[in-house]
Protein backbone atom coordinates (compact mmCIF):
# COMPACT_ATOMS: atom_id res chain seq x y z
CA UNK A 1 26.86 -9.92 -34.56
CA UNK A 2 23.84 -10.97 -36.02
CA UNK A 3 20.93 -9.07 -34.27
CA UNK A 4 17.85 -10.48 -33.06
CA UNK A 5 15.03 -9.99 -35.81
CA UNK A 6 12.54 -10.91 -32.80
CA UNK A 7 13.61 -7.89 -30.50
CA UNK A 8 14.53 -5.43 -33.35
CA UNK A 9 17.30 -3.61 -34.62
CA UNK A 10 20.02 -2.82 -32.08
CA UNK A 11 22.30 0.42 -31.41
CA UNK A 12 25.75 1.02 -30.43
CA UNK A 13 25.11 0.92 -26.93
CA UNK A 14 23.30 -2.46 -26.87
CA UNK A 15 20.00 -0.86 -26.60
CA UNK A 16 16.71 -2.00 -28.48
CA UNK A 17 13.45 -0.56 -29.18
CA UNK A 18 11.59 -2.89 -26.89
CA UNK A 19 14.19 -2.27 -23.98
CA UNK A 20 13.12 1.92 -25.02
CA UNK A 21 9.71 1.20 -24.89
CA UNK A 22 10.39 -0.44 -21.57
CA UNK A 23 12.26 2.66 -20.34
CA UNK A 24 9.28 5.02 -21.50
CA UNK A 25 6.56 3.04 -19.55
CA UNK A 26 8.65 3.19 -16.34
CA UNK A 27 9.14 6.64 -16.69
CA UNK A 28 5.31 7.48 -17.37
CA UNK A 29 4.20 5.41 -14.53
CA UNK A 30 7.19 7.40 -12.43
CA UNK A 31 5.85 10.92 -13.35
CA UNK A 32 1.98 9.32 -12.70
CA UNK A 33 3.19 8.43 -9.26
CA UNK A 34 4.30 12.13 -8.33
CA UNK A 35 1.08 13.39 -9.91
CA UNK A 36 -1.24 11.14 -7.38
CA UNK A 37 1.05 12.51 -4.79
CA UNK A 38 0.63 16.34 -5.62
CA UNK A 39 -3.45 15.32 -6.39
CA UNK A 40 -3.53 14.01 -2.66
CA UNK A 41 -1.53 16.93 -1.15
CA UNK A 42 -4.02 19.08 -2.67
CA UNK A 43 -6.74 16.45 -1.43
CA UNK A 44 -5.43 16.74 2.13
CA UNK A 45 -5.08 20.74 1.98
CA UNK A 46 -8.57 21.09 0.80
CA UNK A 47 -10.41 18.68 3.25
CA UNK A 48 -8.39 20.53 6.11
CA UNK A 49 -9.55 23.88 5.09
CA UNK A 50 -13.29 22.22 4.63
CA UNK A 51 -13.22 20.60 8.15
CA UNK A 52 -12.13 24.17 9.49
CA UNK A 53 -14.81 25.86 8.14
CA UNK A 54 -17.30 23.40 9.52
CA UNK A 55 -17.05 24.85 13.05
CA UNK A 56 -16.91 21.76 14.32
CA UNK A 57 -14.97 19.30 16.92
CA UNK A 58 -14.25 17.15 14.07
CA UNK A 59 -13.08 20.03 11.83
CA UNK A 60 -10.26 20.68 14.60
CA UNK A 61 -9.22 16.83 14.82
CA UNK A 62 -8.18 16.75 11.21
CA UNK A 63 -4.92 14.58 12.18
CA UNK A 64 -7.10 12.07 14.33
CA UNK A 65 -8.97 10.22 11.51
CA UNK A 66 -6.95 7.03 10.49
CA UNK A 67 -7.86 7.84 6.44
CA UNK A 68 -5.90 11.52 6.99
CA UNK A 69 -3.08 9.84 8.60
CA UNK A 70 -2.62 6.48 5.87
CA UNK A 71 -2.84 9.20 3.34
CA UNK A 72 -0.48 11.68 4.48
CA UNK A 73 1.94 8.21 4.51
CA UNK A 74 0.38 7.50 0.87
CA UNK A 75 1.91 11.03 -0.37
CA UNK A 76 5.38 10.91 1.10
CA UNK A 77 5.85 7.32 -0.45
CA UNK A 78 4.32 8.24 -4.08
CA UNK A 79 6.77 11.21 -4.11
CA UNK A 80 9.66 8.63 -2.90
CA UNK A 81 8.41 5.61 -5.97
CA UNK A 82 8.55 8.77 -8.60
CA UNK A 83 11.27 9.52 -8.08
CA UNK A 84 13.09 5.84 -7.63
CA UNK A 85 10.78 4.92 -11.06
CA UNK A 86 12.59 7.56 -12.81
CA UNK A 87 16.04 6.43 -12.05
CA UNK A 88 15.68 2.77 -11.72
CA UNK A 89 14.23 0.37 -14.17
CA UNK A 90 12.84 -2.14 -11.22
CA UNK A 91 11.66 -1.13 -7.74
CA UNK A 92 13.70 -2.22 -4.65
CA UNK A 93 12.14 -5.15 -2.68
CA UNK A 94 11.61 -3.00 0.19
CA UNK A 95 9.16 -0.33 -1.53
CA UNK A 96 6.93 -2.87 -3.14
CA UNK A 97 6.87 -3.75 0.67
CA UNK A 98 6.40 0.04 1.84
CA UNK A 99 3.81 0.06 -0.64
CA UNK A 100 1.92 -2.94 0.23
CA UNK A 101 1.58 -1.94 3.82
CA UNK A 102 0.72 1.88 2.53
CA UNK A 103 -2.00 0.87 0.00
CA UNK A 104 -3.76 -1.98 2.13
CA UNK A 105 -4.01 1.26 4.57
CA UNK A 106 -5.61 3.71 2.13
CA UNK A 107 -7.66 1.44 0.26
CA UNK A 108 -9.28 -0.43 3.64
CA UNK A 109 -9.77 2.97 4.75
CA UNK A 110 -11.94 3.79 1.50
CA UNK A 111 -14.18 0.50 1.82
CA UNK A 112 -14.96 1.48 5.13
CA UNK A 113 -15.81 5.01 4.53
CA UNK A 114 -17.99 4.04 1.71
CA UNK A 115 -19.64 1.54 4.30
CA UNK A 116 -20.08 4.46 6.60
CA UNK A 117 -22.13 6.86 4.07
CA UNK A 118 -24.23 3.71 2.79
CA UNK A 119 -25.33 3.06 6.27
CA UNK A 120 -25.83 6.43 7.51
CA UNK A 121 -27.86 6.83 4.41
CA UNK A 122 -29.69 3.43 4.79
CA UNK A 123 -30.60 4.95 8.21
CA UNK A 124 -31.93 8.17 6.52
CA UNK A 125 -28.70 10.51 7.81
CA UNK A 126 -26.90 11.43 4.63
CA UNK A 127 -23.77 12.46 4.53
CA UNK A 128 -22.30 15.28 2.34
CA UNK A 129 -19.11 14.21 0.91
CA UNK A 130 -16.89 17.25 -0.32
CA UNK A 131 -14.79 16.74 -3.40
CA UNK A 132 -11.69 15.95 -1.68
CA UNK A 133 -12.95 13.04 0.58
CA UNK A 134 -14.01 11.72 -2.75
CA UNK A 135 -11.16 12.22 -4.20
CA UNK A 136 -8.93 10.75 -1.23
CA UNK A 137 -11.69 7.59 -0.04
CA UNK A 138 -12.45 6.42 -3.93
CA UNK A 139 -10.33 8.19 -6.96
CA UNK A 140 -6.75 7.39 -5.26
CA UNK A 141 -6.97 4.04 -3.97
CA UNK A 142 -9.21 2.83 -7.13
CA UNK A 143 -6.41 4.53 -9.31
CA UNK A 144 -3.73 3.01 -6.96
CA UNK A 145 -5.48 -0.50 -7.66
CA UNK A 146 -4.78 -0.27 -11.17
CA UNK A 147 -0.80 1.03 -10.48
CA UNK A 148 -0.21 -1.72 -8.86
CA UNK A 149 -1.38 -4.37 -10.92
CA UNK A 150 -0.28 -3.14 -14.27
CA UNK A 151 2.75 -0.94 -13.15
CA UNK A 152 5.95 -1.99 -14.31
CA UNK A 153 8.84 -2.49 -11.70
CA UNK A 154 6.94 -3.99 -8.99
CA UNK A 155 8.54 -6.53 -7.33
CA UNK A 156 6.63 -9.75 -5.78
CA UNK A 157 5.76 -8.74 -2.29
CA UNK A 158 6.07 -11.28 0.89
CA UNK A 159 3.00 -12.99 2.78
CA UNK A 160 5.14 -11.77 5.92
CA UNK A 161 3.85 -8.06 5.62
CA UNK A 162 -0.08 -9.07 6.50
CA UNK A 163 0.92 -8.86 10.32
CA UNK A 164 2.78 -5.46 10.46
CA UNK A 165 -0.19 -3.96 8.04
CA UNK A 166 -2.58 -5.13 11.07
CA UNK A 167 0.03 -3.58 13.20
CA UNK A 168 -0.63 0.76 12.89
CA UNK A 169 -4.65 0.32 13.17
CA UNK A 170 -4.51 -1.69 16.11
CA UNK A 171 -2.09 1.19 17.59
CA UNK A 172 -3.78 3.90 15.71
CA UNK A 173 -7.28 1.92 17.59
CA UNK A 174 -6.19 1.60 21.02
CA UNK A 175 -4.69 5.37 20.92
CA UNK A 176 -8.08 6.81 19.79
CA UNK A 177 -10.28 5.09 22.76
CA UNK A 178 -8.02 6.30 25.01
CA UNK A 179 -7.94 9.93 23.58
CA UNK A 180 -11.44 9.88 23.18
CA UNK A 181 -12.11 9.20 26.68
CA UNK A 182 -9.92 12.22 27.50
CA UNK A 183 -11.47 14.84 24.55
CA UNK A 184 -15.42 13.15 24.83
CA UNK A 185 -14.97 12.64 20.68
CA UNK A 186 -14.16 10.10 18.25
CA UNK A 187 -13.61 10.14 14.38
CA UNK A 188 -15.73 6.83 13.84
CA UNK A 189 -18.90 5.81 15.76
CA UNK A 190 -17.96 2.40 16.38
CA UNK A 191 -15.14 3.68 18.57
CA UNK A 192 -17.65 5.57 20.55
CA UNK A 193 -19.30 3.49 23.82
CA UNK A 194 -22.03 6.14 23.42
CA UNK A 195 -22.86 4.59 20.27
CA UNK A 196 -22.59 1.36 20.12
CA UNK A 197 -24.60 -1.49 22.66
CA UNK A 198 -21.75 -2.17 24.60
CA UNK A 199 -17.93 -3.85 24.65
CA UNK A 200 -19.12 -6.93 22.59
CA UNK A 201 -20.18 -4.65 19.60
CA UNK A 202 -17.16 -2.31 19.88
CA UNK A 203 -15.09 -5.40 19.79
CA UNK A 204 -16.59 -7.49 16.96
CA UNK A 205 -16.88 -4.05 14.60
CA UNK A 206 -13.39 -4.22 15.39
CA UNK A 207 -12.53 -7.49 14.51
CA UNK A 208 -14.41 -7.22 11.66
CA UNK A 209 -12.23 -4.25 10.35
CA UNK A 210 -8.70 -6.12 10.76
CA UNK A 211 -10.26 -9.05 9.03
CA UNK A 212 -10.38 -6.44 5.96
CA UNK A 213 -7.36 -4.74 6.44
CA UNK A 214 -5.61 -8.51 6.28
CA UNK A 215 -8.10 -9.30 3.06
CA UNK A 216 -7.12 -6.27 1.30
CA UNK A 217 -3.08 -6.83 1.94
CA UNK A 218 -3.41 -10.41 1.45
CA UNK A 219 -5.10 -9.47 -2.07
CA UNK A 220 -2.21 -6.92 -2.92
CA UNK A 221 0.09 -9.81 -1.96
CA UNK A 222 -1.97 -12.66 -4.03
CA UNK A 223 -2.00 -10.13 -7.13
CA UNK A 224 1.57 -9.43 -6.70
CA UNK A 225 2.87 -13.04 -6.79
CA UNK A 226 1.07 -14.19 -9.61
CA UNK A 227 1.69 -11.06 -11.84
CA UNK A 228 4.63 -9.62 -11.11
CA UNK A 229 6.31 -6.76 -13.29
CA UNK A 230 9.55 -6.78 -12.13
CA UNK A 231 11.17 -9.46 -15.16
CA UNK A 232 13.52 -10.64 -12.11
CA UNK A 233 10.73 -11.65 -9.82
CA UNK A 234 8.81 -12.75 -12.91
CA UNK A 235 11.41 -15.13 -13.35
CA UNK A 236 10.96 -16.28 -9.71
CA UNK A 237 9.23 -14.98 -7.17
CA UNK A 238 10.33 -16.73 -5.03
CA UNK A 239 14.27 -15.78 -4.58
CA UNK A 240 16.70 -17.05 -2.59
CA UNK A 241 18.01 -16.23 0.64
CA UNK A 242 20.60 -13.22 0.69
CA UNK A 243 22.34 -15.26 3.32
CA UNK A 244 21.81 -18.50 1.31
CA UNK A 245 23.27 -16.79 -2.11
CA UNK A 246 26.38 -15.22 -0.01
CA UNK A 247 26.99 -18.71 0.53
CA UNK A 248 26.57 -21.15 -2.07
CA UNK A 249 28.85 -23.80 -0.96
CA UNK A 250 28.98 -24.39 2.63
CA UNK A 251 30.96 -26.54 4.46
CA UNK A 252 30.63 -30.34 4.24
CA UNK A 253 29.07 -31.98 7.45
CA UNK A 254 31.21 -34.21 9.80
CA UNK A 255 29.84 -37.32 8.45
CA UNK A 256 30.44 -36.15 4.68
CA UNK A 257 33.98 -35.53 5.40
CA UNK A 258 34.56 -39.63 7.03
CA UNK A 259 32.66 -41.35 4.22
CA UNK A 260 34.75 -39.09 1.57
CA UNK A 261 38.07 -39.90 3.74
CA UNK A 262 36.91 -43.71 3.62
CA UNK A 263 38.67 -45.82 0.97
């Protein structure tokens, strides 16, 4: 069989230089995912001990922050995604969905934290941010956006994930407000009835936060559909439904049977 000069010489197994480069690129991103998970874990541990060392109630409520919870989920998912990237050429569709959901949480948390720091500085209340908070709120979200856009093997995400992205912050917010009334402490000022003008301001602020979650999720989905990096999805970002694919030749209707039987 003649070799395709555009693809380079093939070895006895049918692989080409282009295939080798794709495998190497995919493996590099797999290791990058594992490294990202390790950096996230180190930052989480440092943030835990930094908070405990502050001798404040905030430090004693480490797991109450949405940022911390979402980054724990991110670290676990990054490990899973890294192993999959080292073992398979493309991400399964469920992994793309999970990554889109979790990245929506971490990116939005970073944006919200940046807004809180900016507002505090504007009101003359500077906030000292430890390096671990910089990593968790700014560095990792920025890096994950890069890997989402350019990482190989990422499929097109479905628009149906957007409502699921909102489910976690809604449940977290309801629980946090209820718990705050018991312990007398809230992780974010806009959830504290003592620091807002009343329920309308709290509801408005929460609605804006949910809108940002939805916008971030929509942006990730849009990017994935405009620029899928899995070859199959690049050709067809809207795959055939599995039910339809399993039954490519459905039974004809009664009208069709009668029409074919008539002379």
